[in-house]
N, C-alpha and C. Protein backbone atom coordinates (compact mmCIF):
# COMPACT_ATOMS: atom_id res chain seq x y z
N MET A 1 1.01 -1.23 0.08
CA MET A 1 -0.12 0.09 -0.09
C MET A 1 1.21 1.24 0.04
N ASP A 2 0.52 2.47 -0.78
CA ASP A 2 1.53 3.41 -0.67
C ASP A 2 1.02 4.50 0.05
N GLN A 3 1.99 5.34 0.18
CA GLN A 3 1.98 6.30 1.50
C GLN A 3 0.81 7.05 1.23
N GLU A 4 0.39 7.30 0.43
CA GLU A 4 -0.81 8.37 -0.24
C GLU A 4 -2.33 7.80 0.47
N THR A 5 -2.20 6.46 0.03
CA THR A 5 -3.38 5.41 0.29
C THR A 5 -3.51 5.22 1.91
N LEU A 6 -2.42 4.98 2.37
CA LEU A 6 -2.25 5.08 3.75
C LEU A 6 -2.45 6.16 4.40
N GLY A 7 -2.18 7.18 4.31
CA GLY A 7 -2.05 8.22 4.77
C GLY A 7 -3.99 8.95 4.95
N SER A 8 -4.63 8.45 3.63
CA SER A 8 -6.07 8.45 3.67
C SER A 8 -6.98 7.67 4.67
N VAL A 9 -6.21 6.86 5.43
CA VAL A 9 -6.97 5.72 5.97
C VAL A 9 -6.47 5.76 7.60
N VAL A 10 -5.51 6.23 7.52
CA VAL A 10 -4.71 5.94 8.99
C VAL A 10 -5.79 6.48 10.21
N LEU A 11 -6.35 7.76 10.28
CA LEU A 11 -7.13 8.19 10.88
C LEU A 11 -8.31 7.31 11.40
N LEU A 12 -8.88 6.78 10.37
CA LEU A 12 -9.94 5.65 10.41
C LEU A 12 -10.07 4.61 10.99
N ALA A 13 -8.35 4.22 10.71
CA ALA A 13 -8.01 2.79 11.32
C ALA A 13 -8.05 2.81 12.83
N ILE A 14 -7.63 4.03 13.24
CA ILE A 14 -6.87 4.60 14.56
C ILE A 14 -8.36 4.48 15.44
N VAL A 15 -9.48 4.98 14.92
CA VAL A 15 -10.62 5.20 15.64
C VAL A 15 -11.44 3.91 15.86
N THR A 16 -11.22 2.84 14.31
CA THR A 16 -11.84 1.88 14.31
C THR A 16 -10.95 0.89 15.46
N LEU A 17 -9.81 0.98 15.44
CA LEU A 17 -9.11 -0.17 16.57
C LEU A 17 -9.60 0.52 18.12
N ILE A 18 -9.56 1.81 18.39
CA ILE A 18 -10.18 2.44 19.69
C ILE A 18 -11.40 1.68 19.71
N SER A 19 -12.50 1.66 18.80
CA SER A 19 -13.52 1.26 19.06
C SER A 19 -13.67 -0.35 19.45
N VAL A 20 -12.62 -1.33 18.99
CA VAL A 20 -12.42 -2.26 19.18
C VAL A 20 -12.08 -2.70 20.91
N ILE A 21 -11.02 -1.66 21.09
CA ILE A 21 -10.75 -1.80 22.56
C ILE A 21 -12.43 -1.62 23.56
N GLN A 22 -12.65 -0.68 23.16
CA GLN A 22 -14.11 -0.32 23.61
C GLN A 22 -15.26 -1.40 23.83
N ASN A 23 -15.17 -2.18 22.92
CA ASN A 23 -16.08 -3.34 22.65
C ASN A 23 -15.55 -4.26 23.84
N ALA A 24 -14.37 -4.52 23.58
CA ALA A 24 -13.55 -5.45 24.87
C ALA A 24 -14.12 -5.23 26.10
N PHE A 25 -13.76 -3.85 26.36
CA PHE A 25 -14.23 -3.26 27.83
C PHE A 25 -15.39 -3.47 27.79
N PHE A 26 -16.52 -3.70 27.37
CA PHE A 26 -18.00 -3.69 27.42
C PHE A 26 -17.99 -5.39 27.79
N ALA A 27 -17.46 -5.85 26.88
CA ALA A 27 -17.74 -7.52 26.97
C ALA A 27 -16.92 -8.03 28.55
N SER A 28 -15.74 -7.61 28.63
CA SER A 28 -15.40 -7.65 29.97
C SER A 28 -16.16 -7.13 31.27
N LYS A 29 -16.84 -6.09 30.97
CA LYS A 29 -17.96 -5.63 32.06
C LYS A 29 -19.25 -6.63 32.28
N LEU A 30 -19.39 -7.34 30.76
CA LEU A 30 -20.36 -7.83 31.16
C LEU A 30 -20.09 -9.30 31.78
N GLU A 31 -18.93 -9.89 31.42
CA GLU A 31 -18.47 -10.99 31.99
C GLU A 31 -17.87 -10.64 33.41
N HIS A 32 -17.88 -9.66 33.80
CA HIS A 32 -17.70 -9.44 35.13
C HIS A 32 -18.82 -9.75 36.20
N GLU A 33 -19.68 -8.98 35.50
CA GLU A 33 -21.07 -8.85 36.02
C GLU A 33 -21.60 -10.19 36.18
N SER A 34 -21.49 -10.72 35.10
CA SER A 34 -22.17 -12.32 34.99
C SER A 34 -21.57 -13.30 36.32
N LYS A 35 -20.04 -13.30 36.37
CA LYS A 35 -19.71 -14.06 37.23
C LYS A 35 -19.93 -13.34 38.54
N HIS A 36 -19.71 -12.05 38.78
CA HIS A 36 -20.53 -11.71 40.15
C HIS A 36 -21.68 -11.97 40.41
N CYS A 37 -22.49 -12.04 39.93
CA CYS A 37 -23.67 -12.71 39.99
C CYS A 37 -24.23 -13.98 40.34
N ASN A 38 -23.65 -14.96 39.47
CA ASN A 38 -23.71 -15.98 39.47
C ASN A 38 -22.72 -16.96 39.78
N GLY A 39 -21.35 -16.82 39.36
CA GLY A 39 -20.45 -17.48 39.52
C GLY A 39 -20.01 -18.84 38.55
N LYS A 40 -20.92 -18.91 37.28
CA LYS A 40 -20.99 -20.11 36.61
C LYS A 40 -20.75 -19.94 35.20
N GLY A 41 -20.27 -18.41 34.75
CA GLY A 41 -19.81 -18.40 33.47
C GLY A 41 -21.30 -17.39 33.03
N ILE A 42 -21.02 -16.72 31.75
CA ILE A 42 -21.85 -15.96 31.35
C ILE A 42 -23.45 -16.68 31.04
N GLN A 43 -24.45 -16.13 32.08
CA GLN A 43 -25.94 -16.56 32.03
C GLN A 43 -26.68 -15.38 32.35
N ARG A 44 -27.80 -15.44 31.99
CA ARG A 44 -28.87 -14.25 32.59
C ARG A 44 -29.50 -14.74 33.93
N PRO A 45 -28.76 -14.66 34.98
CA PRO A 45 -29.43 -14.94 36.05
C PRO A 45 -30.54 -14.03 36.61
N GLY A 46 -30.57 -12.78 35.91
CA GLY A 46 -31.98 -12.01 36.24
C GLY A 46 -31.43 -10.98 37.22
N SER A 47 -30.46 -10.69 37.97
CA SER A 47 -30.27 -9.36 38.33
C SER A 47 -30.32 -8.27 38.02
N SER A 48 -30.91 -7.39 38.62
CA SER A 48 -30.79 -6.01 37.69
C SER A 48 -29.41 -5.39 37.45
N ALA A 49 -28.51 -5.69 38.15
CA ALA A 49 -26.85 -5.28 37.86
C ALA A 49 -26.72 -6.04 36.23
N PHE A 50 -27.01 -7.42 36.26
CA PHE A 50 -26.68 -7.89 35.00
C PHE A 50 -27.08 -7.40 34.13
N GLU A 51 -28.59 -7.17 34.09
CA GLU A 51 -29.76 -6.88 33.53
C GLU A 51 -29.45 -5.41 32.73
N ARG A 52 -28.80 -4.47 33.36
CA ARG A 52 -28.88 -3.57 32.86
C ARG A 52 -27.42 -3.68 32.17
N VAL A 53 -26.29 -4.14 32.51
CA VAL A 53 -25.13 -4.31 31.58
C VAL A 53 -25.25 -5.17 30.45
N TYR A 54 -25.84 -6.07 30.22
CA TYR A 54 -26.55 -6.92 29.36
C TYR A 54 -27.03 -5.84 28.22
N THR A 55 -28.14 -5.34 28.82
CA THR A 55 -28.84 -4.58 27.92
C THR A 55 -28.19 -3.41 27.14
N ALA A 56 -27.33 -2.51 28.09
CA ALA A 56 -26.31 -1.64 27.69
C ALA A 56 -25.25 -2.09 26.53
N ASN A 57 -24.84 -3.43 26.73
CA ASN A 57 -23.95 -4.04 25.87
C ASN A 57 -24.80 -4.21 24.54
N GLN A 58 -25.95 -4.88 24.66
CA GLN A 58 -26.62 -5.17 23.64
C GLN A 58 -26.64 -3.71 22.39
N ASN A 59 -27.55 -3.03 23.31
CA ASN A 59 -27.65 -1.69 22.81
C ASN A 59 -26.41 -0.95 22.01
N CYS A 60 -25.53 -1.26 22.60
CA CYS A 60 -23.94 -0.41 22.14
C CYS A 60 -23.63 -1.76 20.69
N GLY A 61 -23.88 -2.84 20.74
CA GLY A 61 -23.53 -3.61 19.78
C GLY A 61 -24.53 -3.48 18.58
N HIS A 62 -25.72 -3.26 18.79
CA HIS A 62 -26.28 -3.08 17.72
C HIS A 62 -26.52 -1.92 16.98
N THR A 63 -25.58 -0.84 17.28
CA THR A 63 -25.39 0.24 16.75
C THR A 63 -24.10 0.55 15.87
N TYR A 64 -23.38 -0.50 16.47
CA TYR A 64 -21.77 -0.73 15.92
C TYR A 64 -21.35 -0.94 14.85
N PRO A 65 -22.44 -1.91 13.93
CA PRO A 65 -21.73 -1.92 12.50
C PRO A 65 -22.23 -0.57 11.55
N THR A 66 -23.51 0.03 12.23
CA THR A 66 -24.09 1.14 11.55
C THR A 66 -23.00 2.12 11.78
N PHE A 67 -22.21 2.53 12.89
CA PHE A 67 -21.46 3.34 13.17
C PHE A 67 -20.12 3.06 11.90
N LEU A 68 -19.58 1.73 12.01
CA LEU A 68 -18.76 1.56 11.41
C LEU A 68 -18.74 2.01 9.84
N ALA A 69 -19.71 1.46 9.45
CA ALA A 69 -20.06 1.93 8.00
C ALA A 69 -20.54 3.34 7.98
N VAL A 70 -20.91 4.13 8.32
CA VAL A 70 -20.73 5.60 8.11
C VAL A 70 -19.47 5.96 8.20
N LEU A 71 -18.72 5.82 9.40
CA LEU A 71 -17.40 6.19 9.76
C LEU A 71 -16.44 6.23 8.58
N TRP A 72 -16.36 5.00 7.92
CA TRP A 72 -15.67 4.86 6.85
C TRP A 72 -16.25 5.50 5.73
N CYS A 73 -17.37 4.95 5.01
CA CYS A 73 -18.08 5.86 4.20
C CYS A 73 -17.64 7.29 4.20
N ALA A 74 -18.05 7.75 5.25
CA ALA A 74 -17.91 9.59 5.19
C ALA A 74 -16.25 9.84 5.09
N GLY A 75 -15.31 9.19 5.76
CA GLY A 75 -13.85 8.98 5.76
C GLY A 75 -13.14 8.99 4.47
N LEU A 76 -13.97 8.02 3.75
CA LEU A 76 -13.12 7.84 2.21
C LEU A 76 -13.93 8.77 1.45
N LEU A 77 -15.11 8.99 1.40
CA LEU A 77 -15.78 9.59 0.37
C LEU A 77 -15.76 11.02 0.56
N CYS A 78 -15.39 11.42 1.70
CA CYS A 78 -15.74 12.96 2.06
C CYS A 78 -14.52 13.49 2.51
N SER A 79 -14.20 13.44 3.98
CA SER A 79 -13.11 13.78 4.65
C SER A 79 -12.73 13.08 5.85
N GLN A 80 -11.65 12.66 5.74
CA GLN A 80 -11.21 12.01 6.91
C GLN A 80 -10.99 12.50 8.07
N ALA A 81 -10.49 13.92 8.15
CA ALA A 81 -10.16 14.14 9.58
C ALA A 81 -11.70 14.49 10.43
N PRO A 82 -12.66 15.32 9.66
CA PRO A 82 -14.01 15.30 10.62
C PRO A 82 -14.71 14.54 10.80
N ALA A 83 -14.52 12.96 9.94
CA ALA A 83 -15.12 11.99 10.41
C ALA A 83 -14.46 11.35 11.21
N ALA A 84 -13.27 11.05 11.46
CA ALA A 84 -12.40 10.30 12.30
C ALA A 84 -12.81 11.15 13.71
N PHE A 85 -12.64 12.55 13.78
CA PHE A 85 -12.97 13.79 14.95
C PHE A 85 -14.41 13.18 15.42
N ALA A 86 -15.59 12.86 14.64
CA ALA A 86 -16.72 12.34 14.71
C ALA A 86 -16.90 11.33 15.19
N GLY A 87 -15.94 10.16 14.64
CA GLY A 87 -15.83 8.93 15.40
C GLY A 87 -15.42 8.68 16.95
N LEU A 88 -14.12 9.79 17.29
CA LEU A 88 -14.11 9.80 18.29
C LEU A 88 -15.08 10.60 19.27
N MET A 89 -15.80 11.16 19.07
CA MET A 89 -17.12 11.91 19.74
C MET A 89 -17.89 10.78 19.95
N TYR A 90 -18.27 10.12 18.91
CA TYR A 90 -19.23 8.95 18.95
C TYR A 90 -18.76 7.80 20.06
N LEU A 91 -17.48 7.64 20.23
CA LEU A 91 -17.01 6.60 20.95
C LEU A 91 -17.25 7.24 22.48
N PHE A 92 -16.71 8.33 22.76
CA PHE A 92 -16.91 9.02 23.91
C PHE A 92 -18.38 9.01 24.14
N VAL A 93 -19.25 9.71 23.42
CA VAL A 93 -20.95 9.29 23.72
C VAL A 93 -21.16 7.72 24.11
N ARG A 94 -20.53 7.12 23.21
CA ARG A 94 -20.98 5.62 23.67
C ARG A 94 -20.82 5.08 24.98
N GLN A 95 -19.59 5.47 25.13
CA GLN A 95 -19.00 5.04 26.78
C GLN A 95 -19.92 5.57 27.84
N LYS A 96 -20.36 7.05 27.40
CA LYS A 96 -20.84 7.85 28.60
C LYS A 96 -22.95 7.32 28.40
N TYR A 97 -22.89 6.86 27.32
CA TYR A 97 -24.17 5.70 27.29
C TYR A 97 -23.88 4.84 28.21
N PHE A 98 -23.04 3.83 27.95
CA PHE A 98 -23.09 2.69 28.51
C PHE A 98 -22.96 2.84 30.08
N VAL A 99 -21.95 3.90 30.46
CA VAL A 99 -21.64 3.99 31.60
C VAL A 99 -22.98 4.63 32.30
N GLY A 100 -24.12 5.45 31.54
CA GLY A 100 -25.31 5.84 32.19
C GLY A 100 -25.84 4.99 32.31
N TYR A 101 -26.43 4.00 31.50
CA TYR A 101 -27.39 2.86 31.65
C TYR A 101 -26.89 1.90 32.85
N LEU A 102 -25.70 2.37 33.59
CA LEU A 102 -25.31 1.43 34.37
C LEU A 102 -26.08 1.80 35.66
N GLY A 103 -26.36 3.29 35.41
CA GLY A 103 -26.78 3.46 36.88
C GLY A 103 -28.44 3.58 36.63
N GLU A 104 -29.09 5.11 36.79
CA GLU A 104 -30.40 5.03 36.14
C GLU A 104 -30.47 5.18 34.76
N ARG A 105 -31.31 4.67 34.37
CA ARG A 105 -31.66 4.36 32.79
C ARG A 105 -31.69 5.79 32.25
N THR A 106 -32.43 6.60 32.83
CA THR A 106 -32.38 8.02 32.41
C THR A 106 -31.06 8.72 32.31
N GLN A 107 -29.98 8.19 32.99
CA GLN A 107 -28.75 9.16 33.02
C GLN A 107 -28.31 8.60 31.49
N SER A 108 -28.66 7.46 30.62
CA SER A 108 -27.86 7.26 29.33
C SER A 108 -28.44 7.78 28.27
N THR A 109 -29.98 8.69 28.33
CA THR A 109 -30.34 9.36 27.53
C THR A 109 -29.83 10.17 26.60
N PRO A 110 -29.28 11.27 27.48
CA PRO A 110 -27.90 12.29 26.58
C PRO A 110 -27.31 11.28 25.79
N GLY A 111 -26.43 10.47 26.51
CA GLY A 111 -25.59 9.71 25.39
C GLY A 111 -26.15 9.26 24.10
N TYR A 112 -27.21 8.55 24.24
CA TYR A 112 -27.77 8.12 23.14
C TYR A 112 -28.15 8.97 22.11
N LEU A 113 -29.12 10.29 22.75
CA LEU A 113 -29.47 11.36 21.63
C LEU A 113 -28.32 12.08 21.25
N PHE A 114 -27.22 12.45 21.70
CA PHE A 114 -25.89 12.83 21.28
C PHE A 114 -25.28 11.95 20.31
N GLY A 115 -25.40 10.35 20.43
CA GLY A 115 -24.98 9.47 19.36
C GLY A 115 -25.42 9.50 17.84
N LYS A 116 -27.02 9.57 18.39
CA LYS A 116 -27.89 9.70 16.82
C LYS A 116 -27.79 10.89 16.30
N ARG A 117 -27.41 11.87 16.82
CA ARG A 117 -26.80 13.30 16.01
C ARG A 117 -25.33 12.95 15.28
N ILE A 118 -24.33 12.18 15.93
CA ILE A 118 -23.25 12.09 14.81
C ILE A 118 -23.05 11.23 14.60
N ILE A 119 -24.41 10.03 14.34
CA ILE A 119 -24.56 9.03 13.41
C ILE A 119 -25.08 9.89 12.24
N LEU A 120 -25.62 10.69 12.42
CA LEU A 120 -26.77 11.51 11.31
C LEU A 120 -25.55 12.56 10.57
N PHE A 121 -24.62 12.92 11.22
CA PHE A 121 -23.26 13.96 10.49
C PHE A 121 -22.78 12.99 9.89
N LEU A 122 -22.21 11.83 10.46
CA LEU A 122 -21.75 10.90 9.49
C LEU A 122 -22.38 10.71 8.19
N PHE A 123 -23.38 10.17 8.60
CA PHE A 123 -24.32 10.18 7.23
C PHE A 123 -24.47 10.69 6.25
N PHE A 124 -24.61 12.11 7.01
CA PHE A 124 -24.85 12.97 5.66
C PHE A 124 -23.51 13.58 4.80
N MET A 125 -22.35 13.23 5.72
CA MET A 125 -21.24 13.22 5.20
C MET A 125 -20.79 12.24 4.03
N SER A 126 -21.25 11.22 4.30
CA SER A 126 -20.98 9.80 3.17
C SER A 126 -21.93 10.39 2.27
N VAL A 127 -23.29 10.85 2.30
CA VAL A 127 -24.06 11.06 1.18
C VAL A 127 -23.65 12.48 0.27
N ALA A 128 -23.06 13.25 0.91
CA ALA A 128 -22.15 14.63 0.69
C ALA A 128 -21.16 14.08 -0.20
N GLY A 129 -20.31 13.07 0.15
CA GLY A 129 -19.36 12.28 -0.09
C GLY A 129 -19.83 11.63 -2.10
N ILE A 130 -20.77 10.86 -2.04
CA ILE A 130 -21.71 10.14 -2.86
C ILE A 130 -22.07 11.12 -4.15
N LEU A 131 -22.78 12.19 -3.75
CA LEU A 131 -23.13 13.08 -4.47
C LEU A 131 -22.23 13.81 -5.42
N ASN A 132 -21.14 14.27 -4.60
CA ASN A 132 -19.84 14.89 -5.22
C ASN A 132 -19.33 14.01 -6.46
N TYR A 133 -19.38 12.80 -6.06
CA TYR A 133 -18.79 11.81 -6.86
C TYR A 133 -19.59 11.77 -8.38
N TYR A 134 -21.05 11.34 -8.03
CA TYR A 134 -21.46 11.75 -9.46
C TYR A 134 -21.88 13.19 -9.88
N LEU A 135 -21.58 13.99 -9.37
CA LEU A 135 -21.15 15.34 -9.97
C LEU A 135 -20.09 15.75 -10.79
N ILE A 136 -19.16 14.95 -10.54
CA ILE A 136 -17.69 14.85 -11.24
C ILE A 136 -17.84 13.98 -12.33
N TYR A 137 -18.59 12.79 -11.74
CA TYR A 137 -18.91 11.88 -13.41
C TYR A 137 -19.63 12.03 -14.51
N PHE A 138 -20.86 12.73 -13.84
CA PHE A 138 -21.92 13.36 -14.73
C PHE A 138 -21.62 14.58 -15.54
N PHE A 139 -21.24 15.80 -14.51
CA PHE A 139 -21.00 17.00 -14.92
C PHE A 139 -19.70 17.67 -14.73
N GLY A 140 -18.97 16.81 -14.25
CA GLY A 140 -17.50 17.48 -14.18
C GLY A 140 -17.43 18.45 -13.01
N SER A 141 -18.60 18.72 -12.49
CA SER A 141 -18.17 19.78 -11.49
C SER A 141 -17.73 18.83 -10.16
N ASP A 142 -16.68 19.43 -9.49
CA ASP A 142 -16.15 19.22 -8.06
C ASP A 142 -16.08 19.68 -6.96
N PHE A 143 -16.72 19.59 -6.08
CA PHE A 143 -17.39 20.60 -4.75
C PHE A 143 -16.63 20.35 -4.02
N GLU A 144 -15.59 19.13 -3.50
CA GLU A 144 -14.50 18.28 -2.72
C GLU A 144 -14.34 19.32 -1.68
N ILE A 145 -13.34 20.88 -2.19
CA ILE A 145 -12.92 21.49 -1.33
C ILE A 145 -14.20 22.12 -0.55
N HIS A 146 -14.98 22.19 -1.10
CA HIS A 146 -16.26 23.15 -0.69
C HIS A 146 -16.81 22.29 0.74
N ILE A 147 -17.06 20.84 0.00
CA ILE A 147 -17.65 20.11 1.34
C ILE A 147 -16.63 19.62 2.40
N LYS A 148 -15.65 19.60 2.20
CA LYS A 148 -14.45 19.38 3.06
C LYS A 148 -14.29 20.50 3.93
N THR A 149 -14.47 21.66 3.43
CA THR A 149 -14.57 22.72 4.21
C THR A 149 -15.69 23.33 5.24
N ILE A 150 -17.06 22.70 4.59
CA ILE A 150 -18.17 22.75 5.32
C ILE A 150 -18.26 21.68 6.28
N THR A 151 -17.59 20.66 6.24
CA THR A 151 -17.65 19.63 7.38
C THR A 151 -16.51 19.91 8.56
N SER A 152 -15.38 20.19 8.18
CA SER A 152 -14.35 20.80 8.92
C SER A 152 -14.81 22.03 9.59
N ALA A 153 -15.89 22.81 9.24
CA ALA A 153 -16.41 23.86 9.90
C ALA A 153 -17.76 23.40 10.76
N ILE A 154 -18.19 22.38 10.28
CA ILE A 154 -19.48 21.99 11.53
C ILE A 154 -18.97 21.15 12.03
N SER A 155 -17.99 20.19 12.12
CA SER A 155 -17.51 18.72 13.38
C SER A 155 -17.51 19.22 14.59
N PRO A 156 -16.64 20.71 14.66
CA PRO A 156 -16.63 21.33 15.97
C PRO A 156 -17.81 21.61 16.69
N LEU A 157 -18.84 21.61 15.94
CA LEU A 157 -20.40 21.76 16.78
C LEU A 157 -20.81 20.61 17.23
N LEU A 158 -20.29 19.70 16.88
CA LEU A 158 -20.76 18.17 17.63
C LEU A 158 -20.40 18.14 19.27
N LEU A 159 -19.92 19.41 19.45
CA LEU A 159 -19.31 19.25 21.08
C LEU A 159 -20.53 19.79 21.72
N ILE A 160 -21.48 20.43 20.84
CA ILE A 160 -22.45 21.40 21.60
C ILE A 160 -23.73 20.25 22.12
N PRO A 161 -24.11 20.23 23.27
CA PRO A 161 -24.69 18.89 23.90
C PRO A 161 -26.41 19.34 23.01
């Protein structure tokens, strides 16, 4: 793989690896809670602490493929740096959601809503990249610089709760 190609995906790969580490943390938390409640391995013993950890882990796992798809599409088709920033923000929010879910379930709501907004931003970045590709293909008009400028300017707004 040449340096230019590698340079265009390295930030996305870093975010992906961090998300894998986070998934491992969630799984270890689930395993720990399962052994703590029952002592026999992963089973669904029915304790409220285990149920909260299990449900939070399942909810995070269900959104993970969507996150990876829009992260990589946005980074490759639109702009790597804003997509990587949004990806890191999503991982932070997902951690906040997971930890919030372990307490009161209402504590996880801000993390959930914030995560939805980040996924939507990455989705729109992906759509903008696809539209730009077809504008180049059919009309010869390239708006890549404008799209990168807009996404770079909008991505810090993701920090506003």
